[in-house]
Amino acid sequence: HLALARRQLCKRVVAAASEGWRTWSTDRVGTEVASLARPGDIEMITSDTCIFCVRARAWFNEHGVPFTECSIERDADCAARFAALGSPGTPVLLVRGQRQLGFSPPAVAGALRGG
């Protein structure tokens, strides 16, 4: 029974460490993106029913990242830009003119760094 208890404890420690790493990493990337982004650098094309868009919006707001947003259902110009980009879904981010499909904070940071 001691071996089982040790394995269970080890799994809990690994899980806690992994969660701590994810939180630290997300906060670090958020701080970096907030320091690099200027108004107009990030535009997010969204859909009203897109849960990933909701998460991206919340992340940008939580980290104080300036961004603009348009909805393909409520804005004809936005819908036309979305169609012209040929994207299969939302969100579509335009980071300093670079298209990114989906939301990845590290990818946003890389585009803002010029990479």
Protein backbone atom coordinates (compact mmCIF):
# COMPACT_ATOMS: atom_id res chain seq x y z
CA HIS A 1 0.00 0.00 0.00
CA LEU A 2 2.93 2.31 0.57
CA ALA A 3 4.00 2.07 -3.10
CA LEU A 4 0.47 2.96 -4.25
CA ALA A 5 0.36 5.94 -1.89
CA ARG A 6 3.73 7.17 -3.20
CA ARG A 7 2.55 6.89 -6.82
CA GLN A 8 -0.63 8.81 -6.04
CA LEU A 9 1.34 11.50 -4.23
CA CYS A 10 3.79 11.72 -7.12
CA LYS A 11 0.90 12.17 -9.59
CA ARG A 12 -0.53 14.98 -7.45
CA VAL A 13 2.83 16.73 -7.22
CA VAL A 14 3.34 16.48 -10.99
CA ALA A 15 -0.18 17.77 -11.66
CA ALA A 16 0.30 20.72 -9.30
CA ALA A 17 3.70 21.55 -10.81
CA SER A 18 2.25 21.36 -14.32
CA GLU A 19 -0.61 23.70 -13.41
CA GLY A 20 1.83 26.11 -11.77
CA TRP A 21 4.03 26.07 -14.87
CA ARG A 22 1.03 26.76 -17.17
CA THR A 23 -0.09 29.67 -15.01
CA TRP A 24 3.40 31.17 -14.81
CA SER A 25 3.96 30.70 -18.55
CA THR A 26 0.60 32.27 -19.47
CA ASP A 27 1.25 35.24 -17.16
CA ARG A 28 4.76 35.69 -18.56
CA VAL A 29 3.50 35.66 -22.17
CA GLY A 30 0.65 38.00 -21.21
CA THR A 31 3.10 40.48 -19.72
CA GLU A 32 5.28 40.27 -22.83
CA VAL A 33 2.37 40.74 -25.25
CA ALA A 34 1.04 43.68 -23.21
CA SER A 35 4.45 45.36 -23.29
CA LEU A 36 4.94 44.86 -27.06
CA ALA A 37 1.44 45.57 -28.39
CA ARG A 38 0.44 49.07 -29.38
CA PRO A 39 -3.05 50.22 -30.35
CA GLY A 40 -3.74 49.02 -33.88
CA ASP A 41 -1.24 46.14 -33.77
CA ILE A 42 -3.84 43.42 -33.13
CA GLU A 43 -7.18 43.02 -34.85
CA MET A 44 -9.42 40.08 -34.05
CA ILE A 45 -12.08 38.93 -36.51
CA THR A 46 -14.74 37.06 -34.56
CA SER A 47 -18.01 35.23 -34.81
CA ASP A 48 -20.79 35.76 -32.26
CA THR A 49 -20.98 32.03 -31.49
CA CYS A 50 -17.23 31.37 -31.24
CA ILE A 51 -16.14 30.20 -27.78
CA PHE A 52 -12.48 30.57 -28.75
CA CYS A 53 -13.17 34.23 -29.55
CA VAL A 54 -14.63 34.68 -26.06
CA ARG A 55 -11.51 33.14 -24.53
CA ALA A 56 -9.16 35.26 -26.65
CA ARG A 57 -11.08 38.45 -25.76
CA ALA A 58 -10.94 37.56 -22.07
CA TRP A 59 -7.19 36.84 -22.28
CA PHE A 60 -6.44 40.15 -24.03
CA ASN A 61 -8.55 42.05 -21.48
CA GLU A 62 -7.08 40.18 -18.50
CA HIS A 63 -3.55 41.08 -19.60
CA GLY A 64 -4.31 44.66 -20.66
CA VAL A 65 -3.47 44.03 -24.32
CA PRO A 66 -4.86 46.63 -26.74
CA PHE A 67 -6.79 45.09 -29.63
CA THR A 68 -9.67 45.85 -31.94
CA GLU A 69 -12.42 43.44 -32.80
CA CYS A 70 -15.08 43.03 -35.45
CA SER A 71 -17.82 40.44 -35.86
CA ILE A 72 -18.53 38.76 -39.17
CA GLU A 73 -22.26 38.56 -38.27
CA ARG A 74 -22.66 42.24 -37.37
CA ASP A 75 -20.23 44.03 -39.69
CA ALA A 76 -20.39 43.62 -43.49
CA ASP A 77 -16.85 45.00 -43.98
CA CYS A 78 -15.56 42.53 -41.40
CA ALA A 79 -17.36 39.66 -43.16
CA ALA A 80 -15.84 40.73 -46.49
CA ARG A 81 -12.31 40.84 -44.99
CA PHE A 82 -12.87 37.43 -43.42
CA ALA A 83 -14.00 35.99 -46.77
CA ALA A 84 -11.05 37.58 -48.58
CA LEU A 85 -8.64 35.95 -46.13
CA GLY A 86 -10.11 32.53 -46.96
CA SER A 87 -10.08 31.51 -43.32
CA PRO A 88 -12.00 28.38 -42.37
CA GLY A 89 -13.05 29.68 -38.96
CA THR A 90 -12.70 32.24 -36.20
CA PRO A 91 -10.99 33.83 -34.48
CA VAL A 92 -8.67 35.24 -37.10
CA LEU A 93 -6.02 37.53 -35.69
CA LEU A 94 -4.17 40.09 -37.75
CA VAL A 95 -1.03 40.86 -35.78
CA ARG A 96 0.88 43.68 -37.44
CA GLY A 97 -0.59 42.44 -40.70
CA GLN A 98 0.29 38.77 -40.15
CA ARG A 99 -2.71 36.43 -40.27
CA GLN A 100 -3.10 33.90 -37.47
CA LEU A 101 -5.95 31.41 -37.44
CA GLY A 102 -7.06 30.62 -33.92
CA PHE A 103 -5.67 32.05 -30.73
CA SER A 104 -2.21 31.27 -29.42
CA PRO A 105 -0.62 33.75 -27.00
CA PRO A 106 2.92 32.54 -27.85
CA ALA A 107 2.22 33.03 -31.57
CA VAL A 108 0.93 36.56 -30.91
CA ALA A 109 4.08 37.31 -28.89
CA GLY A 110 6.25 35.94 -31.71
CA ALA A 111 4.52 38.10 -34.33
CA LEU A 112 4.90 41.18 -32.13
CA ARG A 113 8.61 40.39 -31.68
CA GLY A 114 8.89 40.29 -35.45
CA GLY A 115 9.39 36.54 -35.64
